[in-house]
Structure formats: structure tokens, C-alpha cells
């Protein structure tokens, strides 16, 4: 019998221990956005969207959150003062502070505060190999990928991903950083030697020729894709990330692509995810699942209020929690 994908959204609901009600009499909720910089586009838009909907919102610099632990009394202090009641946390954890950021998210979770993405699935998404292992296990198509650690294994690894040219990726990286294209075995071995010497772990990955220089970004919120765009690399660049000069075009996703994106988010365990896919001859191939996706490009090309959808889902989560019900988390 084939393994079934973990599905936190479809899991039985578990009634948590009841504490003081977090809901205000006027229905106004208190949201916290974990972000290092309140001026970043996505952070600013989340604050605007929350205020437009009548909610109170504060931005907490993740590294300024002091975590206090005692028996049955986890607390968070911010710039010397204890953080008051928060109804829901929206994590925007940058790759460079993943370790500390996960601890902060987990602290709020221990305090009984719902988080839009939990620390465990965020950690899964940041480890590219672990994410690909999970996607592969549950029948989601991905580019052929190999991880090895010895120079003599490299020729076979390249053969196993379909030969040259091939892609090499850092296990932890974002916005196209640490993604390399190698066209010869000399390039592959030289890049690997350098990166291994720097203590980096590298994935060797199949190049999907028909999708070279372009990919699809789908934003999943809850159980549906709310927006999607095709990203095309600028001339002379094979990486299509908007942060690397790529251009986006709004698209209507075919059902197979939407289903693959939602399933990928479910397998990783994320409530909100940016799912990057390649358009292959066989259909969608999932490249990456991002737990803190930027959405400036999506808002610009689609004209949708992505920040508003983000906030509305966070509010829905908070109200369900305040009513005494929460979805069982995937551990």
C-alpha cells in the first residue's frame, strides 16, 4: 500500500488546554509579524493589510526577542519588556537567522500562540535535501537529484541526473543564491572542490532543458493556490528569480500544477508557502517550497491583494484557536 502524504490540514482536530480568552470583545485581534526589517515590502504590506481590516499589529525584530524559560512558564521579552497577549504570529524568518528564528517561533507555539507557519515545517523547507526527500517519498515529481561527498563519486552522480549540463545547489540557500550551472565535468569538479572546502553540502540536480531560464511560482495559502506567475530569467542568466533580475507574468495554473503545489505545501506542513515548479514535458516538477515567500512580484503582476489574503488566513487561524480548537501539528 503506497505511503500517504502527511496532511496537517486534514488531520483530526485536537482540543488544547484552555487558557484565558485571547479574543477582544470588539473582534479586533492582535497580530505580530516576525521580521528583521519593518521597511521590507512584504512586512510593510502585511502591516497595512492588518490595519485596513481593523486589527492591531506590531513588527517584532526576531533577533530582539529574548526567550525566557521556566517551569510551565515560557515567555518572550522584546527590547526589555514582556510581550503582551498576541493572537497570532506571522513568521517572516530570513535564511540568515534560521536557527534563532525557529527558536522564537517555537517559543510562541509553546506559549499557546498560533503561528501561521510552525517551526518544524519551516526547518524542513530550509533544508533542500530534506524537503526533496519528503516530496519524493510521497510521490511528488522533482528533478532528479544526487548528494555525494567524494570526488570519485562525481561522474556517476552526474550520470544519474541525466548528464551535463547540470545544476548544483547549496542545501541551504534562497533567492537563487548558491545555484550554479555546470556544463563540463571540469566545472562540476572545480565547483564541488571549492564548496566542499568551504564546508558546504551540495546537491547535483537534473537540468530540465525545456524549462531552462524559466519557472513557475505558485503561492499556496491554506488549501489553495491564490496566485501564480511564470518567471523568466534576464538575458545571459539561467536563474529566473525576481531578485536576480527575472521578470514575472501572471498565469492561470493548470489543475495538475495547482494540485502539485498544494500537495507539496501539505507534505512539508506549511500553511503558507511559495512553491517553485519547472514546466517539464512530463508535467510539473517541484524545485523548492519556501516558508517565507516574498510576494512583491506577485502583487505587481497579478494585481491581487496577497497581503490581505495572508492576514485573513492568519485571522481565521487565530479565531479557530480562540474558539478552543487547533489543527494537530505534524511533528
Protein backbone atom coordinates (compact mmCIF):
# COMPACT_ATOMS: atom_id res chain seq x y z
CA UNK A 1 0.00 0.00 0.00
CA UNK A 2 1.59 3.34 -1.01
CA UNK A 3 2.56 5.78 1.72
CA UNK A 4 0.14 8.62 2.30
CA UNK A 5 1.27 12.21 2.44
CA UNK A 6 1.05 13.83 5.86
CA UNK A 7 -1.72 16.36 5.80
CA UNK A 8 -1.88 18.65 8.82
CA UNK A 9 -4.90 20.45 7.41
CA UNK A 10 -6.87 17.24 7.13
CA UNK A 11 -5.69 15.78 10.43
CA UNK A 12 -8.12 15.24 13.32
CA UNK A 13 -8.63 18.35 15.37
CA UNK A 14 -7.21 18.28 18.86
CA UNK A 15 -8.73 20.34 21.64
CA UNK A 16 -5.93 22.15 23.51
CA UNK A 17 -5.82 23.16 27.14
CA UNK A 18 -7.98 26.21 27.57
CA UNK A 19 -6.38 29.38 28.83
CA UNK A 20 -7.65 32.96 29.11
CA UNK A 21 -9.58 34.01 26.02
CA UNK A 22 -7.45 35.97 23.58
CA UNK A 23 -10.37 37.40 21.66
CA UNK A 24 -11.22 41.06 22.24
CA UNK A 25 -14.86 41.97 22.72
CA UNK A 26 -14.77 44.15 19.57
CA UNK A 27 -13.36 41.32 17.45
CA UNK A 28 -10.11 43.21 16.92
CA UNK A 29 -7.15 40.85 17.01
CA UNK A 30 -3.52 41.40 17.91
CA UNK A 31 -1.10 40.24 15.23
CA UNK A 32 2.68 40.05 15.41
CA UNK A 33 4.92 39.89 12.35
CA UNK A 34 8.37 38.45 12.99
CA UNK A 35 10.68 40.37 10.66
CA UNK A 36 14.16 41.84 10.89
CA UNK A 37 13.14 44.95 8.94
CA UNK A 38 9.76 46.65 9.08
CA UNK A 39 10.60 48.54 5.86
CA UNK A 40 10.74 45.40 3.71
CA UNK A 41 7.96 45.31 1.12
CA UNK A 42 6.24 42.14 2.38
CA UNK A 43 6.42 43.27 6.01
CA UNK A 44 5.01 46.73 5.21
CA UNK A 45 2.17 45.24 3.19
CA UNK A 46 1.23 42.80 5.96
CA UNK A 47 1.05 45.68 8.45
CA UNK A 48 -1.07 47.74 6.04
CA UNK A 49 -3.42 44.83 5.35
CA UNK A 50 -3.90 44.08 9.06
CA UNK A 51 -4.66 47.71 9.88
CA UNK A 52 -7.07 48.02 6.94
CA UNK A 53 -9.02 45.12 8.45
CA UNK A 54 -9.17 46.78 11.85
CA UNK A 55 -6.60 44.65 13.64
CA UNK A 56 -3.71 45.75 15.84
CA UNK A 57 -0.32 44.70 14.50
CA UNK A 58 3.28 45.03 15.63
CA UNK A 59 6.52 44.10 13.95
CA UNK A 60 8.99 42.26 16.17
CA UNK A 61 12.63 42.12 15.13
CA UNK A 62 13.25 38.39 15.51
CA UNK A 63 16.76 38.79 16.93
CA UNK A 64 15.49 41.27 19.54
CA UNK A 65 13.13 38.67 21.01
CA UNK A 66 14.53 37.39 24.30
CA UNK A 67 13.32 33.90 25.18
CA UNK A 68 12.73 33.14 28.86
CA UNK A 69 12.16 29.58 30.04
CA UNK A 70 10.99 28.36 33.42
CA UNK A 71 8.79 25.53 34.59
CA UNK A 72 5.47 25.81 32.71
CA UNK A 73 6.15 29.48 32.03
CA UNK A 74 7.72 30.22 28.63
CA UNK A 75 7.78 33.97 27.94
CA UNK A 76 9.08 36.38 25.32
CA UNK A 77 10.61 39.78 26.11
CA UNK A 78 11.12 42.40 23.44
CA UNK A 79 13.55 45.27 23.93
CA UNK A 80 13.36 44.80 27.70
CA UNK A 81 9.58 44.49 28.09
CA UNK A 82 7.49 41.35 28.19
CA UNK A 83 5.43 40.79 25.07
CA UNK A 84 1.74 41.04 25.92
CA UNK A 85 -1.06 38.99 24.51
CA UNK A 86 -0.70 38.08 20.85
CA UNK A 87 -3.49 36.33 18.96
CA UNK A 88 -1.42 35.07 16.05
CA UNK A 89 2.17 35.27 14.80
CA UNK A 90 3.15 35.64 11.14
CA UNK A 91 6.77 34.49 10.81
CA UNK A 92 8.96 36.11 8.14
CA UNK A 93 12.18 34.30 9.02
CA UNK A 94 15.16 35.17 6.85
CA UNK A 95 17.53 32.38 5.79
CA UNK A 96 20.48 34.01 7.58
CA UNK A 97 18.79 33.77 11.00
CA UNK A 98 17.03 30.43 10.57
CA UNK A 99 18.31 28.91 13.83
CA UNK A 100 17.34 31.77 16.14
CA UNK A 101 14.16 32.44 14.19
CA UNK A 102 12.97 28.86 14.63
CA UNK A 103 13.55 29.13 18.39
CA UNK A 104 11.42 32.29 18.54
CA UNK A 105 8.60 30.72 16.53
CA UNK A 106 8.72 27.63 18.75
CA UNK A 107 8.60 29.79 21.89
CA UNK A 108 5.34 31.42 20.80
CA UNK A 109 3.98 27.98 19.93
CA UNK A 110 4.87 26.78 23.46
CA UNK A 111 3.02 29.80 24.85
CA UNK A 112 -0.13 28.66 23.06
CA UNK A 113 0.00 31.38 20.40
CA UNK A 114 -0.91 30.09 16.92
CA UNK A 115 1.75 30.67 14.27
CA UNK A 116 0.98 30.90 10.57
CA UNK A 117 3.88 28.54 9.88
CA UNK A 118 5.26 26.35 12.64
CA UNK A 119 8.98 25.95 13.35
CA UNK A 120 9.15 22.29 12.28
CA UNK A 121 7.91 22.76 8.69
CA UNK A 122 9.94 25.97 8.36
CA UNK A 123 13.04 23.95 9.22
CA UNK A 124 12.05 21.27 6.70
CA UNK A 125 11.67 23.81 3.93
CA UNK A 126 15.07 25.39 4.65
CA UNK A 127 16.88 22.08 4.21
CA UNK A 128 16.59 21.48 0.47
CA UNK A 129 17.60 17.83 0.70
CA UNK A 130 15.12 17.05 3.50
CA UNK A 131 12.34 18.79 1.59
CA UNK A 132 13.12 16.86 -1.60
CA UNK A 133 13.28 13.60 0.36
CA UNK A 134 9.77 14.20 1.70
CA UNK A 135 8.37 15.26 -1.66
CA UNK A 136 9.89 12.20 -3.34
CA UNK A 137 8.59 9.86 -0.66
CA UNK A 138 5.03 10.99 -1.20
CA UNK A 139 5.01 10.73 -4.96
CA UNK A 140 5.59 14.35 -5.95
CA UNK A 141 7.69 14.75 -9.10
CA UNK A 142 11.01 16.54 -8.62
CA UNK A 143 14.14 16.97 -10.75
CA UNK A 144 16.50 14.00 -10.35
CA UNK A 145 18.85 14.89 -7.51
CA UNK A 146 22.03 13.36 -6.07
CA UNK A 147 24.05 14.18 -2.98
CA UNK A 148 27.58 12.80 -2.67
CA UNK A 149 30.76 13.73 -0.80
CA UNK A 150 33.72 12.15 -2.60
CA UNK A 151 35.34 13.30 -5.82
CA UNK A 152 35.46 9.79 -7.33
CA UNK A 153 31.65 9.56 -6.99
CA UNK A 154 31.01 12.70 -9.03
CA UNK A 155 30.99 11.17 -12.57
CA UNK A 156 28.35 8.61 -11.58
CA UNK A 157 26.33 11.32 -9.79
CA UNK A 158 26.29 13.45 -12.95
CA UNK A 159 25.24 10.43 -14.99
CA UNK A 160 22.41 9.70 -12.55
CA UNK A 161 20.90 13.18 -13.06
CA UNK A 162 20.95 12.83 -16.85
CA UNK A 163 24.44 14.09 -17.68
CA UNK A 164 25.73 17.55 -18.50
CA UNK A 165 24.86 20.34 -18.22
CA UNK A 166 23.58 20.03 -14.65
CA UNK A 167 22.61 22.22 -11.72
CA UNK A 168 24.40 22.41 -8.38
CA UNK A 169 22.74 23.86 -5.29
CA UNK A 170 23.67 24.63 -1.73
CA UNK A 171 21.47 22.64 0.66
CA UNK A 172 20.55 25.94 2.31
CA UNK A 173 20.13 28.95 0.06
CA UNK A 174 17.49 31.41 -1.08
CA UNK A 175 16.61 33.80 -3.91
CA UNK A 176 18.89 31.94 -6.31
CA UNK A 177 21.99 32.32 -4.15
CA UNK A 178 24.12 29.16 -4.24
CA UNK A 179 22.62 27.85 -7.50
CA UNK A 180 25.23 27.08 -10.17
CA UNK A 181 25.14 25.77 -13.74
CA UNK A 182 27.95 23.44 -14.81
CA UNK A 183 28.49 22.49 -18.46
CA UNK A 184 31.65 20.37 -18.18
CA UNK A 185 32.98 17.79 -15.75
CA UNK A 186 35.89 20.11 -15.01
CA UNK A 187 33.44 22.82 -13.92
CA UNK A 188 31.49 20.35 -11.78
CA UNK A 189 34.59 19.06 -10.00
CA UNK A 190 36.09 22.54 -9.56
CA UNK A 191 32.90 23.96 -8.07
CA UNK A 192 32.44 20.98 -5.77
CA UNK A 193 36.04 21.07 -4.56
CA UNK A 194 35.72 24.76 -3.71
CA UNK A 195 32.39 24.48 -1.94
CA UNK A 196 33.32 21.31 -0.06
CA UNK A 197 36.49 23.05 1.12
CA UNK A 198 34.27 25.84 2.50
CA UNK A 199 32.25 23.28 4.44
CA UNK A 200 29.18 23.46 2.20
CA UNK A 201 26.99 20.48 1.28
CA UNK A 202 25.94 20.44 -2.36
CA UNK A 203 23.16 18.83 -4.38
CA UNK A 204 23.71 17.86 -8.02
CA UNK A 205 20.45 18.20 -9.92
CA UNK A 206 18.98 17.47 -13.32
CA UNK A 207 18.67 20.41 -15.72
CA UNK A 208 15.19 20.44 -17.26
CA UNK A 209 16.17 21.70 -20.70
CA UNK A 210 12.69 22.76 -21.83
CA UNK A 211 12.32 24.91 -18.72
CA UNK A 212 15.78 26.47 -18.79
CA UNK A 213 15.65 30.11 -17.72
CA UNK A 214 12.05 29.99 -16.54
CA UNK A 215 9.94 28.53 -13.77
CA UNK A 216 6.55 28.93 -12.10
CA UNK A 217 5.97 30.39 -8.62
CA UNK A 218 2.66 29.45 -7.00
CA UNK A 219 1.56 30.93 -3.67
CA UNK A 220 -0.36 28.46 -1.54
CA UNK A 221 -2.46 29.75 1.36
CA UNK A 222 -4.37 27.12 3.25
CA UNK A 223 -5.65 24.56 0.78
CA UNK A 224 -5.49 26.53 -2.46
CA UNK A 225 -3.23 28.39 -4.83
CA UNK A 226 -4.20 32.06 -4.56
CA UNK A 227 -1.81 33.45 -7.20
CA UNK A 228 0.77 32.25 -9.68
CA UNK A 229 3.28 33.68 -12.12
CA UNK A 230 5.80 32.47 -14.65
CA UNK A 231 9.27 33.89 -14.04
CA UNK A 232 11.69 34.35 -16.92
CA UNK A 233 15.41 34.98 -16.45
CA UNK A 234 17.05 38.07 -17.89
CA UNK A 235 19.34 37.60 -20.88
CA UNK A 236 22.56 35.79 -20.01
CA UNK A 237 21.18 34.41 -16.71
CA UNK A 238 19.70 30.94 -16.13
CA UNK A 239 18.16 31.74 -12.73
CA UNK A 240 14.68 33.19 -13.03
CA UNK A 241 14.34 34.64 -9.51
CA UNK A 242 12.88 38.15 -9.44
CA UNK A 243 15.71 39.13 -7.06
CA UNK A 244 18.18 38.22 -9.81
CA UNK A 245 16.50 40.38 -12.44
CA UNK A 246 13.90 37.89 -13.65
CA UNK A 247 10.54 39.09 -14.99
CA UNK A 248 7.16 37.79 -13.89
CA UNK A 249 3.95 37.23 -15.82
CA UNK A 250 0.63 36.34 -14.19
CA UNK A 251 -0.72 32.95 -15.25
CA UNK A 252 -3.70 30.71 -14.59
CA UNK A 253 -2.26 27.44 -13.34
CA UNK A 254 -3.40 24.21 -14.99
CA UNK A 255 -5.10 21.89 -12.45
CA UNK A 256 -2.11 19.48 -12.37
CA UNK A 257 0.21 22.32 -11.36
CA UNK A 258 -2.16 23.70 -8.72
CA UNK A 259 -2.66 20.24 -7.24
CA UNK A 260 1.10 19.61 -7.14
CA UNK A 261 1.73 22.94 -5.39
CA UNK A 262 -0.92 22.35 -2.72
CA UNK A 263 0.25 18.77 -2.13
CA UNK A 264 3.86 19.95 -1.79
CA UNK A 265 2.87 22.52 0.86
CA UNK A 266 0.88 19.86 2.72
CA UNK A 267 3.76 17.36 2.70
CA UNK A 268 6.17 19.95 4.13
CA UNK A 269 3.45 21.02 6.61
CA UNK A 270 3.15 24.71 5.71
CA UNK A 271 0.01 26.85 5.95
CA UNK A 272 1.55 29.42 3.59
CA UNK A 273 4.17 28.52 1.01
CA UNK A 274 5.75 29.73 -2.18
CA UNK A 275 6.12 26.66 -4.39
CA UNK A 276 8.59 26.84 -7.28
CA UNK A 277 7.96 24.46 -10.19
CA UNK A 278 9.56 23.63 -13.51
CA UNK A 279 7.44 23.03 -16.59
CA UNK A 280 8.73 19.72 -17.95
CA UNK A 281 7.42 17.51 -20.76
CA UNK A 282 6.06 15.16 -18.08
CA UNK A 283 4.29 17.93 -16.16
CA UNK A 284 5.21 19.96 -13.05
CA UNK A 285 8.44 19.22 -11.21
CA UNK A 286 8.72 20.80 -7.76
CA UNK A 287 12.04 22.57 -7.22
CA UNK A 288 11.56 24.23 -3.86
CA UNK A 289 8.99 25.03 -1.16
CA UNK A 290 9.56 28.40 0.54
CA UNK A 291 8.14 29.07 4.00
CA UNK A 292 8.59 32.89 3.90
CA UNK A 293 7.89 33.74 0.27
CA UNK A 294 8.21 37.32 -0.83
CA UNK A 295 5.13 38.49 -2.71
CA UNK A 296 6.04 41.88 -4.15
CA UNK A 297 6.38 40.43 -7.65
CA UNK A 298 3.13 38.50 -7.36
CA UNK A 299 1.17 41.56 -6.22
CA UNK A 300 2.62 43.62 -9.04
CA UNK A 301 1.93 41.19 -11.87
CA UNK A 302 -1.42 39.83 -10.65
CA UNK A 303 -2.89 42.97 -9.06
CA UNK A 304 -4.12 40.83 -6.16
CA UNK A 305 -4.07 41.82 -2.51
CA UNK A 306 -1.77 38.99 -1.45
CA UNK A 307 -1.02 40.61 1.90
CA UNK A 308 -4.74 40.74 2.62
CA UNK A 309 -5.14 37.03 1.90
CA UNK A 310 -2.18 36.33 4.18
CA UNK A 311 -3.72 38.33 7.03
CA UNK A 312 -7.20 36.86 6.55
CA UNK A 313 -5.82 33.35 6.83
CA UNK A 314 -3.88 34.29 9.97
CA UNK A 315 -7.05 35.76 11.49
CA UNK A 316 -9.02 32.62 10.62
CA UNK A 317 -6.35 30.53 12.35
CA UNK A 318 -6.42 32.78 15.44
CA UNK A 319 -10.21 32.68 15.74
CA UNK A 320 -10.29 28.90 15.44
CA UNK A 321 -7.66 28.70 18.17
CA UNK A 322 -9.56 31.13 20.41
CA UNK A 323 -12.68 29.01 20.00
CA UNK A 324 -10.78 26.11 21.56
CA UNK A 325 -9.78 24.14 18.50
CA UNK A 326 -6.47 23.78 16.70
CA UNK A 327 -5.24 21.54 13.94
CA UNK A 328 -2.93 18.76 15.05
CA UNK A 329 0.61 19.60 14.06
CA UNK A 330 2.91 17.33 12.11
CA UNK A 331 5.95 16.59 14.30
